Amino acid sequence: MKLLLDENLSPLLASQLSDLYPGSLHVRDCGLKGYSDWAVWQFAREKGFTIVSKDSDFDQIRLTRGHPPKVIWVRLGNCSTPAIEDMLRSQSPAIHTFQENAVESLLILP
């Protein structure tokens, strides 16, 4: 499972989580920093990523476009990168189950 981490998350998370989510990238790593949410959505769909964001905009796109890509909406508010890493690690079983579910397109964490 490959995660595409949105700009509102630390670029460090992709490497920190590579043991659980190999092939994950941050939008900066893809040359998408500063691009529209729609451009990020299209890239994720074309390359087989699941988008992880703290932004509700991807939920809005998902409602009109469906999936793929799937969206993980992180709703932790203002918090540290280690707190987000811990949450993505602890929720790994739920995230992997979500990825395998053909019907579900949004996972809200926590």
C-alpha atoms as a PDB file:
ATOM      1  CA  MET A   1       0.000   0.000   0.000  1.00  0.00           C
ATOM      2  CA  LYS A   2       1.410   3.355  -1.053  1.00  0.00           C
ATOM      3  CA  LEU A   3       0.403   6.540   0.721  1.00  0.00           C
ATOM      4  CA  LEU A   4       0.628   9.971  -0.878  1.00  0.00           C
ATOM      5  CA  LEU A   5       1.060  12.473   1.936  1.00  0.00           C
ATOM      6  CA  ASP A   6      -0.438  15.902   1.355  1.00  0.00           C
ATOM      7  CA  GLU A   7       1.395  19.203   1.932  1.00  0.00           C
ATOM      8  CA  ASN A   8      -0.181  19.658   5.351  1.00  0.00           C
ATOM      9  CA  LEU A   9       1.775  16.639   6.630  1.00  0.00           C
ATOM     10  CA  SER A  10       5.507  16.389   7.181  1.00  0.00           C
ATOM     11  CA  PRO A  11       7.606  15.082   4.273  1.00  0.00           C
ATOM     12  CA  LEU A  12       9.513  13.007   6.841  1.00  0.00           C
ATOM     13  CA  LEU A  13       6.515  10.715   7.350  1.00  0.00           C
ATOM     14  CA  ALA A  14       7.018   8.899   4.034  1.00  0.00           C
ATOM     15  CA  SER A  15      10.395   7.522   5.081  1.00  0.00           C
ATOM     16  CA  GLN A  16       9.425   7.089   8.731  1.00  0.00           C
ATOM     17  CA  LEU A  17       6.503   4.873   7.733  1.00  0.00           C
ATOM     18  CA  SER A  18       8.201   2.972   4.905  1.00  0.00           C
ATOM     19  CA  ASP A  19       8.224  -0.259   6.907  1.00  0.00           C
ATOM     20  CA  LEU A  20       4.396  -0.300   6.994  1.00  0.00           C
ATOM     21  CA  TYR A  21       3.619   1.568   3.780  1.00  0.00           C
ATOM     22  CA  PRO A  22       6.452   0.896   1.293  1.00  0.00           C
ATOM     23  CA  GLY A  23       6.567   3.156  -1.741  1.00  0.00           C
ATOM     24  CA  SER A  24       4.852   6.023   0.054  1.00  0.00           C
ATOM     25  CA  LEU A  25       5.727   9.560  -0.975  1.00  0.00           C
ATOM     26  CA  HIS A  26       5.068  13.140   0.022  1.00  0.00           C
ATOM     27  CA  VAL A  27       3.658  15.489  -2.637  1.00  0.00           C
ATOM     28  CA  ARG A  28       6.986  17.351  -2.498  1.00  0.00           C
ATOM     29  CA  ASP A  29       8.772  14.157  -3.630  1.00  0.00           C
ATOM     30  CA  CYS A  30       6.515  13.995  -6.701  1.00  0.00           C
ATOM     31  CA  GLY A  31       6.998  17.602  -7.756  1.00  0.00           C
ATOM     32  CA  LEU A  32       3.448  18.427  -6.663  1.00  0.00           C
ATOM     33  CA  LYS A  33       4.181  20.924  -3.886  1.00  0.00           C
ATOM     34  CA  GLY A  34       1.912  23.923  -4.406  1.00  0.00           C
ATOM     35  CA  TYR A  35      -0.235  22.132  -6.988  1.00  0.00           C
ATOM     36  CA  SER A  36      -4.019  22.018  -6.740  1.00  0.00           C
ATOM     37  CA  ASP A  37      -5.799  19.281  -4.845  1.00  0.00           C
ATOM     38  CA  TRP A  38      -7.230  18.154  -8.175  1.00  0.00           C
ATOM     39  CA  ALA A  39      -3.708  17.662  -9.613  1.00  0.00           C
ATOM     40  CA  VAL A  40      -2.714  15.660  -6.523  1.00  0.00           C
ATOM     41  CA  TRP A  41      -5.910  13.584  -6.875  1.00  0.00           C
ATOM     42  CA  GLN A  42      -5.170  12.788 -10.519  1.00  0.00           C
ATOM     43  CA  PHE A  43      -1.564  11.827  -9.757  1.00  0.00           C
ATOM     44  CA  ALA A  44      -2.699   9.524  -6.930  1.00  0.00           C
ATOM     45  CA  ARG A  45      -5.285   7.879  -9.173  1.00  0.00           C
ATOM     46  CA  GLU A  46      -2.822   7.338 -12.027  1.00  0.00           C
ATOM     47  CA  LYS A  47      -0.020   5.997  -9.804  1.00  0.00           C
ATOM     48  CA  GLY A  48      -2.073   3.867  -7.368  1.00  0.00           C
ATOM     49  CA  PHE A  49      -1.656   5.918  -4.187  1.00  0.00           C
ATOM     50  CA  THR A  50      -4.018   6.419  -1.270  1.00  0.00           C
ATOM     51  CA  ILE A  51      -4.120  10.108  -0.309  1.00  0.00           C
ATOM     52  CA  VAL A  52      -3.489  11.046   3.334  1.00  0.00           C
ATOM     53  CA  SER A  53      -4.438  14.598   4.289  1.00  0.00           C
ATOM     54  CA  LYS A  54      -5.628  16.803   7.110  1.00  0.00           C
ATOM     55  CA  ASP A  55      -7.633  18.739   4.525  1.00  0.00           C
ATOM     56  CA  SER A  56     -11.339  18.154   3.900  1.00  0.00           C
ATOM     57  CA  ASP A  57     -10.996  19.185   0.237  1.00  0.00           C
ATOM     58  CA  PHE A  58     -10.108  15.648  -0.813  1.00  0.00           C
ATOM     59  CA  ASP A  59     -13.340  14.414   0.753  1.00  0.00           C
ATOM     60  CA  GLN A  60     -15.224  16.877  -1.453  1.00  0.00           C
ATOM     61  CA  ILE A  61     -13.452  15.627  -4.574  1.00  0.00           C
ATOM     62  CA  ARG A  62     -14.140  12.044  -3.524  1.00  0.00           C
ATOM     63  CA  LEU A  63     -17.863  12.785  -3.231  1.00  0.00           C
ATOM     64  CA  THR A  64     -18.048  13.957  -6.838  1.00  0.00           C
ATOM     65  CA  ARG A  65     -15.431  11.690  -8.437  1.00  0.00           C
ATOM     66  CA  GLY A  66     -15.581   8.482  -6.397  1.00  0.00           C
ATOM     67  CA  HIS A  67     -12.478   6.353  -6.131  1.00  0.00           C
ATOM     68  CA  PRO A  68      -9.726   5.526  -6.828  1.00  0.00           C
ATOM     69  CA  PRO A  69      -7.873   7.048  -5.194  1.00  0.00           C
ATOM     70  CA  LYS A  70      -8.997   6.367  -1.682  1.00  0.00           C
ATOM     71  CA  VAL A  71      -8.656   9.094   0.953  1.00  0.00           C
ATOM     72  CA  ILE A  72      -7.519   8.936   4.566  1.00  0.00           C
ATOM     73  CA  TRP A  73      -8.605  12.081   6.362  1.00  0.00           C
ATOM     74  CA  VAL A  74      -6.468  12.719   9.450  1.00  0.00           C
ATOM     75  CA  ARG A  75      -8.460  14.742  11.967  1.00  0.00           C
ATOM     76  CA  LEU A  76      -5.963  15.282  14.769  1.00  0.00           C
ATOM     77  CA  GLY A  77      -5.894  19.081  14.651  1.00  0.00           C
ATOM     78  CA  ASN A  78      -2.659  20.808  15.604  1.00  0.00           C
ATOM     79  CA  CYS A  79      -0.240  18.076  16.587  1.00  0.00           C
ATOM     80  CA  SER A  80       3.325  16.961  16.124  1.00  0.00           C
ATOM     81  CA  THR A  81       4.703  14.781  13.361  1.00  0.00           C
ATOM     82  CA  PRO A  82       5.496  12.014  15.893  1.00  0.00           C
ATOM     83  CA  ALA A  83       1.826  12.051  16.980  1.00  0.00           C
ATOM     84  CA  ILE A  84       0.689  11.592  13.380  1.00  0.00           C
ATOM     85  CA  GLU A  85       3.262   8.854  12.841  1.00  0.00           C
ATOM     86  CA  ASP A  86       2.092   7.060  15.989  1.00  0.00           C
ATOM     87  CA  MET A  87      -1.532   7.294  14.871  1.00  0.00           C
ATOM     88  CA  LEU A  88      -0.777   5.965  11.353  1.00  0.00           C
ATOM     89  CA  ARG A  89       1.198   3.111  12.914  1.00  0.00           C
ATOM     90  CA  SER A  90      -1.449   2.205  15.482  1.00  0.00           C
ATOM     91  CA  GLN A  91      -4.190   2.375  12.840  1.00  0.00           C
ATOM     92  CA  SER A  92      -2.256   0.254  10.330  1.00  0.00           C
ATOM     93  CA  PRO A  93      -4.633  -2.742  10.584  1.00  0.00           C
ATOM     94  CA  ALA A  94      -7.639  -0.482   9.940  1.00  0.00           C
ATOM     95  CA  ILE A  95      -5.825   1.299   7.103  1.00  0.00           C
ATOM     96  CA  HIS A  96      -4.878  -1.960   5.392  1.00  0.00           C
ATOM     97  CA  THR A  97      -8.424  -3.317   5.800  1.00  0.00           C
ATOM     98  CA  PHE A  98      -9.772  -0.065   4.337  1.00  0.00           C
ATOM     99  CA  GLN A  99      -7.427  -0.382   1.355  1.00  0.00           C
ATOM    100  CA  GLU A 100      -8.687  -3.898   0.622  1.00  0.00           C
ATOM    101  CA  ASN A 101     -12.361  -2.887   0.821  1.00  0.00           C
ATOM    102  CA  ALA A 102     -13.679  -2.349  -2.714  1.00  0.00           C
ATOM    103  CA  VAL A 103     -16.600  -0.211  -1.573  1.00  0.00           C
ATOM    104  CA  GLU A 104     -15.170   2.223   0.982  1.00  0.00           C
ATOM    105  CA  SER A 105     -13.444   5.345  -0.331  1.00  0.00           C
ATOM    106  CA  LEU A 106     -12.914   7.431   2.847  1.00  0.00           C
ATOM    107  CA  LEU A 107     -11.323   6.557   6.161  1.00  0.00           C
ATOM    108  CA  ILE A 108     -11.491   9.202   8.880  1.00  0.00           C
ATOM    109  CA  LEU A 109      -8.818   8.947  11.581  1.00  0.00           C
ATOM    110  CA  PRO A 110      -8.868   8.968  14.528  1.00  0.00           C
END
